[in-house]
Amino acid sequence: MKKGKRYAESAKLVEKNKEYEIKEALELIEKMPKAKFDETVELHVKLGVDSKHADQQVRGTTVLPNGTGKTQRVLVFAKGPKADEALKAGADFITTNTFGCNRIKMEEAKYEAKDMLLAAVENAKAARKEVGREKDAYIVLDIGPIGQLLEPMGTLTFDEAYDIILEQIETVKDQVDAVLFETMSDLYEVKAGILAVKEHTDLPVFVTMTFEQNGRTLSGNDAETFINVAEGLGVDVLGVNCSLGPDELKPIIDEILEKATVPVMLQPNAGLPCLEHGETHYHVTPEEYVESMKDYMNRGAAIVGGCCGTTPEFIAQLSQAAPETVAERVVEKKT
């Protein structure tokens, strides 16, 4: 397909093999003219989120009871176009391939965002049917960041963010079993999302934020603030996903396990991403990944899984390693 003029202008601004700092990448994006939906300009950011790969990775999450001490069948989340493979590996939940499917990001797409949301749910149902899991596998609506910064860092108002998320919820709320907000970096946007679901449905809400190595999200939120705000809003599950590997995220995960009173969900990347010949690669093996995750399971993590760089093989091995009982967590009392 021949690329348009605006794509060419944007592409000239990007150094193909450079890893950009977050602030530098945001400033560069602001300079880019809008191109067509299918004319994506990639740039690699040290946060570890690769726009091309992050939205298409198979995600897996093994779900365990929160410190109940009861024997429980292991449940698994899966995301993306290979959901059928993840189900075969042991998944019990399919998250829809709708990470960026809102009217802001899909403004110049060929189809309306609502139509794509409905199609994504149908794809999830088809994957479930294909592997004969219609009676024991569930569908979860996957929602990622809106794509614009909220005030005061950006120009998007809280009410606008709420309405954008609500459109997604209203479109498929009767066809899904839960809602997952993942790779979130702005706690204000998280608040809009939780409220949109809680005020209009009875669906469970899971939220995972992405943290940098300094222990904060892109917008400056720390883990304790995230816990306090999300639990105050009635979130059902909270945790961390993306950005770093299970070992690099240990300080953040330790704090969440110590302070969260709701079930904790962990979906790290398959280690730190490496840029090789212009492509992002992850070098942690399924065996290494699962070995790192065992410690969190033994300390009461209720939901464990994988984000960028993980595959159905990671999920299969993680499911096999997950204990049938979850260790109770001693949660730090809030004052």
Protein backbone atom coordinates (compact mmCIF):
# COMPACT_ATOMS: atom_id res chain seq x y z
CA MET A 1 0.00 0.00 0.00
CA LYS A 2 1.30 3.44 -0.92
CA LYS A 3 1.85 5.61 2.13
CA GLY A 4 0.47 9.14 2.31
CA LYS A 5 2.29 12.46 2.62
CA ARG A 6 1.55 12.83 6.33
CA TYR A 7 3.01 9.39 7.03
CA ALA A 8 6.18 10.33 5.16
CA GLU A 9 6.48 13.56 7.13
CA SER A 10 6.11 11.68 10.43
CA ALA A 11 8.53 8.92 9.45
CA LYS A 12 11.27 11.47 8.73
CA LEU A 13 11.14 12.60 12.36
CA VAL A 14 11.93 9.13 13.75
CA GLU A 15 15.37 7.60 14.07
CA LYS A 16 14.70 3.94 13.32
CA ASN A 17 17.15 2.31 15.73
CA LYS A 18 16.98 4.85 18.54
CA GLU A 19 15.46 4.12 21.95
CA TYR A 20 13.67 7.29 23.05
CA GLU A 21 13.20 8.57 26.57
CA ILE A 22 9.51 8.92 27.53
CA LYS A 23 9.47 12.73 27.55
CA GLU A 24 11.37 12.87 24.27
CA ALA A 25 8.94 10.44 22.62
CA LEU A 26 5.88 12.41 23.75
CA GLU A 27 7.36 15.64 22.41
CA LEU A 28 8.09 13.94 19.09
CA ILE A 29 4.56 12.57 18.80
CA GLU A 30 3.15 16.06 19.29
CA LYS A 31 5.09 17.21 16.22
CA MET A 32 3.70 14.48 13.99
CA PRO A 33 0.78 15.19 11.64
CA LYS A 34 -2.10 12.72 11.76
CA ALA A 35 -1.77 9.90 9.24
CA LYS A 36 -4.21 7.20 8.22
CA PHE A 37 -5.07 4.43 10.69
CA ASP A 38 -3.03 1.80 8.88
CA GLU A 39 0.00 4.09 8.43
CA THR A 40 1.63 3.45 11.81
CA VAL A 41 4.98 5.06 12.55
CA GLU A 42 6.90 3.03 15.13
CA LEU A 43 9.30 4.43 17.65
CA HIS A 44 10.92 2.51 20.47
CA VAL A 45 10.62 3.86 24.00
CA LYS A 46 12.74 2.78 26.98
CA LEU A 47 9.57 2.13 28.98
CA GLY A 48 9.42 -1.09 27.00
CA VAL A 49 6.02 -0.63 25.34
CA ASP A 50 6.28 -1.32 21.62
CA SER A 51 3.14 -0.13 19.83
CA LYS A 52 3.40 -2.80 17.16
CA HIS A 53 3.78 -5.74 19.51
CA ALA A 54 2.10 -4.73 22.77
CA ASP A 55 -1.41 -4.77 21.33
CA GLN A 56 -1.00 -8.13 19.64
CA GLN A 57 0.75 -10.21 22.30
CA VAL A 58 -0.99 -13.23 23.68
CA ARG A 59 -1.56 -12.42 27.34
CA GLY A 60 -2.07 -15.07 29.97
CA THR A 61 -3.19 -14.89 33.55
CA THR A 62 -3.51 -17.72 36.00
CA VAL A 63 -6.19 -16.82 38.55
CA LEU A 64 -5.96 -18.09 42.11
CA PRO A 65 -8.19 -17.51 45.16
CA ASN A 66 -7.15 -14.62 47.40
CA GLY A 67 -5.73 -16.26 50.50
CA THR A 68 -8.71 -18.56 51.04
CA GLY A 69 -6.62 -21.65 51.61
CA LYS A 70 -9.14 -23.65 49.58
CA THR A 71 -8.31 -25.95 46.70
CA GLN A 72 -9.16 -24.08 43.52
CA ARG A 73 -8.93 -24.94 39.85
CA VAL A 74 -6.33 -22.75 38.13
CA LEU A 75 -7.85 -20.18 35.79
CA VAL A 76 -6.00 -18.38 33.00
CA PHE A 77 -6.50 -15.12 31.11
CA ALA A 78 -5.52 -14.76 27.45
CA LYS A 79 -5.39 -11.73 25.15
CA GLY A 80 -5.03 -11.22 21.43
CA PRO A 81 -5.48 -12.97 18.10
CA LYS A 82 -4.00 -16.25 19.39
CA ALA A 83 -6.63 -16.70 22.08
CA ASP A 84 -7.48 -20.18 20.83
CA GLU A 85 -3.88 -21.27 21.36
CA ALA A 86 -3.87 -19.80 24.86
CA LEU A 87 -7.12 -21.63 25.67
CA LYS A 88 -5.51 -24.87 24.59
CA ALA A 89 -2.59 -24.03 26.89
CA GLY A 90 -4.98 -23.80 29.84
CA ALA A 91 -6.71 -20.42 29.63
CA ASP A 92 -10.14 -19.99 31.18
CA PHE A 93 -10.66 -16.29 30.35
CA ILE A 94 -10.25 -14.65 26.95
CA THR A 95 -9.64 -10.91 26.91
CA THR A 96 -10.91 -9.25 23.75
CA ASN A 97 -8.37 -7.83 21.31
CA THR A 98 -9.59 -4.27 21.96
CA PHE A 99 -6.67 -2.66 23.80
CA GLY A 100 -6.86 0.59 21.79
CA CYS A 101 -10.39 0.37 20.46
CA ASN A 102 -11.89 3.75 21.39
CA ARG A 103 -13.17 6.60 19.23
CA ILE A 104 -10.05 8.72 19.82
CA LYS A 105 -7.56 6.15 18.59
CA MET A 106 -9.89 4.84 15.89
CA GLU A 107 -10.86 8.28 14.61
CA GLU A 108 -9.55 7.65 11.10
CA ALA A 109 -10.11 3.90 11.00
CA LYS A 110 -12.11 2.28 8.23
CA TYR A 111 -14.74 1.09 10.71
CA GLU A 112 -16.46 2.62 13.71
CA ALA A 113 -14.97 1.78 17.09
CA LYS A 114 -18.28 0.31 18.26
CA ASP A 115 -18.38 -2.06 15.28
CA MET A 116 -14.84 -3.21 16.01
CA LEU A 117 -15.68 -3.79 19.67
CA LEU A 118 -18.61 -5.99 18.69
CA ALA A 119 -16.47 -7.84 16.16
CA ALA A 120 -13.76 -8.44 18.79
CA VAL A 121 -16.28 -10.03 21.13
CA GLU A 122 -17.51 -12.24 18.29
CA ASN A 123 -13.89 -13.26 17.57
CA ALA A 124 -13.44 -14.19 21.23
CA LYS A 125 -16.61 -16.25 21.12
CA ALA A 126 -15.43 -17.96 17.94
CA ALA A 127 -12.07 -18.84 19.53
CA ARG A 128 -13.86 -20.25 22.55
CA LYS A 129 -16.16 -22.33 20.36
CA GLU A 130 -13.32 -23.57 18.20
CA VAL A 131 -11.64 -25.26 21.16
CA GLY A 132 -14.88 -26.50 22.72
CA ARG A 133 -14.72 -24.23 25.78
CA GLU A 134 -18.11 -22.51 25.54
CA LYS A 135 -19.27 -23.78 28.93
CA ASP A 136 -16.15 -23.11 31.00
CA ALA A 137 -14.31 -20.13 29.45
CA TYR A 138 -15.22 -16.49 29.94
CA ILE A 139 -14.80 -13.31 27.92
CA VAL A 140 -13.27 -10.14 29.42
CA LEU A 141 -13.36 -6.71 27.77
CA ASP A 142 -9.80 -5.39 27.46
CA ILE A 143 -9.37 -1.59 27.66
CA GLY A 144 -6.07 0.26 27.39
CA PRO A 145 -5.21 3.95 27.76
CA ILE A 146 -7.38 6.36 25.76
CA GLY A 147 -4.42 7.81 23.91
CA GLN A 148 -4.59 11.41 25.13
CA LEU A 149 -3.36 12.89 28.39
CA LEU A 150 -5.95 14.16 30.84
CA GLU A 151 -5.86 17.62 32.36
CA PRO A 152 -3.68 19.17 33.74
CA MET A 153 -0.95 17.21 31.89
CA GLY A 154 -3.00 17.22 28.69
CA THR A 155 -6.20 18.69 27.26
CA LEU A 156 -8.67 15.82 27.76
CA THR A 157 -11.17 16.52 30.54
CA PHE A 158 -12.23 13.93 33.12
CA ASP A 159 -15.80 13.97 31.81
CA GLU A 160 -14.59 13.37 28.24
CA ALA A 161 -12.48 10.43 29.39
CA TYR A 162 -15.43 9.00 31.31
CA ASP A 163 -17.70 9.27 28.25
CA ILE A 164 -15.15 7.66 25.92
CA ILE A 165 -14.75 4.69 28.24
CA LEU A 166 -18.48 4.44 28.86
CA GLU A 167 -19.07 4.13 25.10
CA GLN A 168 -16.87 1.03 25.10
CA ILE A 169 -18.59 -0.42 28.14
CA GLU A 170 -22.13 0.22 26.91
CA THR A 171 -21.40 -1.36 23.54
CA VAL A 172 -20.57 -4.83 24.86
CA LYS A 173 -21.49 -4.90 28.57
CA ASP A 174 -24.13 -7.59 28.03
CA GLN A 175 -21.70 -9.81 26.13
CA VAL A 176 -18.69 -9.93 28.46
CA ASP A 177 -18.08 -11.31 31.94
CA ALA A 178 -15.66 -8.69 33.32
CA VAL A 179 -13.65 -5.59 32.36
CA LEU A 180 -9.86 -5.28 32.46
CA PHE A 181 -8.09 -1.90 32.34
CA GLU A 182 -4.42 -2.61 31.66
CA THR A 183 -1.14 -0.80 30.94
CA MET A 184 -2.58 2.26 32.65
CA SER A 185 -0.25 5.11 33.63
CA ASP A 186 -2.64 7.89 34.74
CA LEU A 187 -4.56 7.31 37.96
CA TYR A 188 -7.08 9.99 36.98
CA GLU A 189 -7.93 7.95 33.88
CA VAL A 190 -8.15 4.82 36.02
CA LYS A 191 -10.71 6.60 38.20
CA ALA A 192 -12.80 7.48 35.14
CA GLY A 193 -12.69 3.86 34.01
CA ILE A 194 -13.65 2.28 37.32
CA LEU A 195 -16.53 4.72 37.80
CA ALA A 196 -17.82 4.17 34.24
CA VAL A 197 -18.06 0.43 34.87
CA LYS A 198 -19.34 0.53 38.45
CA GLU A 199 -22.02 3.14 37.75
CA HIS A 200 -23.48 1.36 34.72
CA THR A 201 -22.89 -2.38 35.20
CA ASP A 202 -22.44 -5.13 37.77
CA LEU A 203 -19.31 -6.42 36.04
CA PRO A 204 -16.11 -7.11 38.01
CA VAL A 205 -13.34 -4.56 37.36
CA PHE A 206 -9.64 -5.48 37.14
CA VAL A 207 -7.01 -2.71 36.87
CA THR A 208 -3.27 -3.07 36.26
CA MET A 209 -0.94 -0.09 35.96
CA THR A 210 2.49 0.00 34.36
CA PHE A 211 5.43 1.25 36.40
CA GLU A 212 8.89 2.46 35.42
CA GLN A 213 12.11 1.49 37.18
CA ASN A 214 11.84 4.56 39.41
CA GLY A 215 8.75 3.02 41.03
CA ARG A 216 6.27 5.42 39.48
CA THR A 217 3.94 5.46 36.48
CA LEU A 218 4.48 7.81 33.54
CA SER A 219 2.23 10.40 35.19
CA GLY A 220 4.05 10.10 38.53
CA ASN A 221 1.76 7.82 40.56
CA ASP A 222 3.31 5.42 43.08
CA ALA A 223 2.00 1.98 44.02
CA GLU A 224 0.55 2.96 47.41
CA THR A 225 -1.46 5.84 45.96
CA PHE A 226 -2.77 3.54 43.24
CA ILE A 227 -3.87 0.99 45.84
CA ASN A 228 -5.62 3.55 48.03
CA VAL A 229 -7.49 5.22 45.18
CA ALA A 230 -8.48 2.03 43.32
CA GLU A 231 -9.69 0.26 46.45
CA GLY A 232 -11.61 3.36 47.51
CA LEU A 233 -13.44 3.24 44.19
CA GLY A 234 -14.37 -0.41 44.65
CA VAL A 235 -11.99 -2.15 42.24
CA ASP A 236 -12.23 -5.93 42.41
CA VAL A 237 -8.63 -6.78 41.45
CA LEU A 238 -5.53 -4.59 41.06
CA GLY A 239 -1.92 -5.05 40.11
CA VAL A 240 0.81 -4.38 37.58
CA ASN A 241 1.48 -5.31 33.97
CA CYS A 242 3.92 -4.58 31.13
CA SER A 243 7.00 -2.26 31.13
CA LEU A 244 9.46 -4.58 32.93
CA GLY A 245 10.15 -8.24 33.69
CA PRO A 246 9.14 -10.11 36.86
CA ASP A 247 12.55 -9.57 38.49
CA GLU A 248 12.79 -5.86 37.65
CA LEU A 249 9.25 -5.29 39.00
CA LYS A 250 10.01 -6.96 42.34
CA PRO A 251 10.06 -3.76 44.49
CA ILE A 252 6.69 -2.67 43.06
CA ILE A 253 5.17 -6.14 43.39
CA ASP A 254 6.45 -6.52 46.96
CA GLU A 255 4.74 -3.27 47.96
CA ILE A 256 1.46 -4.21 46.29
CA LEU A 257 1.43 -7.65 47.93
CA GLU A 258 2.05 -6.02 51.32
CA LYS A 259 -0.57 -3.26 51.06
CA ALA A 260 -3.44 -4.31 48.76
CA THR A 261 -6.53 -5.76 50.43
CA VAL A 262 -8.11 -7.01 47.19
CA PRO A 263 -6.71 -9.83 45.01
CA VAL A 264 -3.42 -8.93 43.32
CA MET A 265 -2.86 -9.43 39.59
CA LEU A 266 0.65 -9.62 38.06
CA GLN A 267 1.40 -9.66 34.32
CA PRO A 268 5.04 -8.68 33.70
CA ASN A 269 6.79 -8.71 30.36
CA ALA A 270 9.12 -11.56 29.40
CA GLY A 271 12.03 -9.54 30.76
CA LEU A 272 13.40 -6.23 29.53
CA PRO A 273 12.92 -5.61 25.79
CA CYS A 274 16.01 -5.42 23.58
CA LEU A 275 16.22 -3.62 20.24
CA GLU A 276 17.93 -5.79 17.62
CA HIS A 277 18.07 -4.76 13.97
CA GLY A 278 15.11 -2.44 14.48
CA GLU A 279 12.93 -5.12 16.09
CA THR A 280 11.98 -5.59 19.75
CA HIS A 281 12.93 -8.93 21.29
CA TYR A 282 12.45 -10.51 24.72
CA HIS A 283 15.02 -13.06 25.89
CA VAL A 284 13.53 -14.50 29.09
CA THR A 285 12.52 -18.13 28.50
CA PRO A 286 9.26 -19.64 29.77
CA GLU A 287 11.24 -21.65 32.32
CA GLU A 288 13.04 -18.56 33.66
CA TYR A 289 9.85 -16.55 33.73
CA VAL A 290 7.89 -19.16 35.68
CA GLU A 291 10.74 -19.61 38.14
CA SER A 292 10.63 -15.86 38.89
CA MET A 293 6.84 -15.90 39.28
CA LYS A 294 6.80 -18.80 41.75
CA ASP A 295 7.91 -16.53 44.58
CA TYR A 296 4.94 -14.20 44.05
CA MET A 297 2.51 -17.12 43.97
CA ASN A 298 3.99 -18.46 47.18
CA ARG A 299 3.45 -15.06 48.82
CA GLY A 300 -0.22 -14.80 47.95
CA ALA A 301 -0.49 -13.39 44.44
CA ALA A 302 -4.06 -14.17 43.38
CA ILE A 303 -3.63 -13.66 39.63
CA VAL A 304 -0.43 -14.25 37.68
CA GLY A 305 0.19 -14.17 33.96
CA GLY A 306 2.18 -12.58 31.17
CA CYS A 307 2.30 -9.46 29.02
CA CYS A 308 4.61 -8.48 26.13
CA GLY A 309 6.93 -11.22 24.95
CA THR A 310 4.95 -14.05 26.54
CA THR A 311 3.36 -16.81 24.48
CA PRO A 312 0.98 -19.75 25.05
CA GLU A 313 4.02 -21.77 26.13
CA PHE A 314 4.57 -19.34 29.03
CA ILE A 315 0.93 -19.73 30.01
CA ALA A 316 1.03 -23.52 29.83
CA GLN A 317 4.08 -23.72 32.08
CA LEU A 318 2.74 -21.09 34.45
CA SER A 319 -0.52 -23.01 34.81
CA GLN A 320 1.36 -26.21 35.56
CA ALA A 321 3.48 -24.48 38.21
CA ALA A 322 0.61 -22.68 39.94
CA PRO A 323 -0.25 -24.14 43.35
CA GLU A 324 -3.78 -25.31 44.09
CA THR A 325 -3.86 -23.26 47.27
CA VAL A 326 -2.79 -19.65 47.69
CA ALA A 327 -0.70 -18.47 50.61
CA GLU A 328 -2.47 -15.94 52.79
CA ARG A 329 -1.04 -12.45 52.66
CA VAL A 330 -0.41 -10.37 55.75
CA VAL A 331 -1.66 -6.98 54.62
CA GLU A 332 -0.26 -3.80 56.14
CA LYS A 333 -3.00 -1.98 58.02
CA LYS A 334 -3.95 1.45 56.73
CA THR A 335 -3.90 4.32 59.21
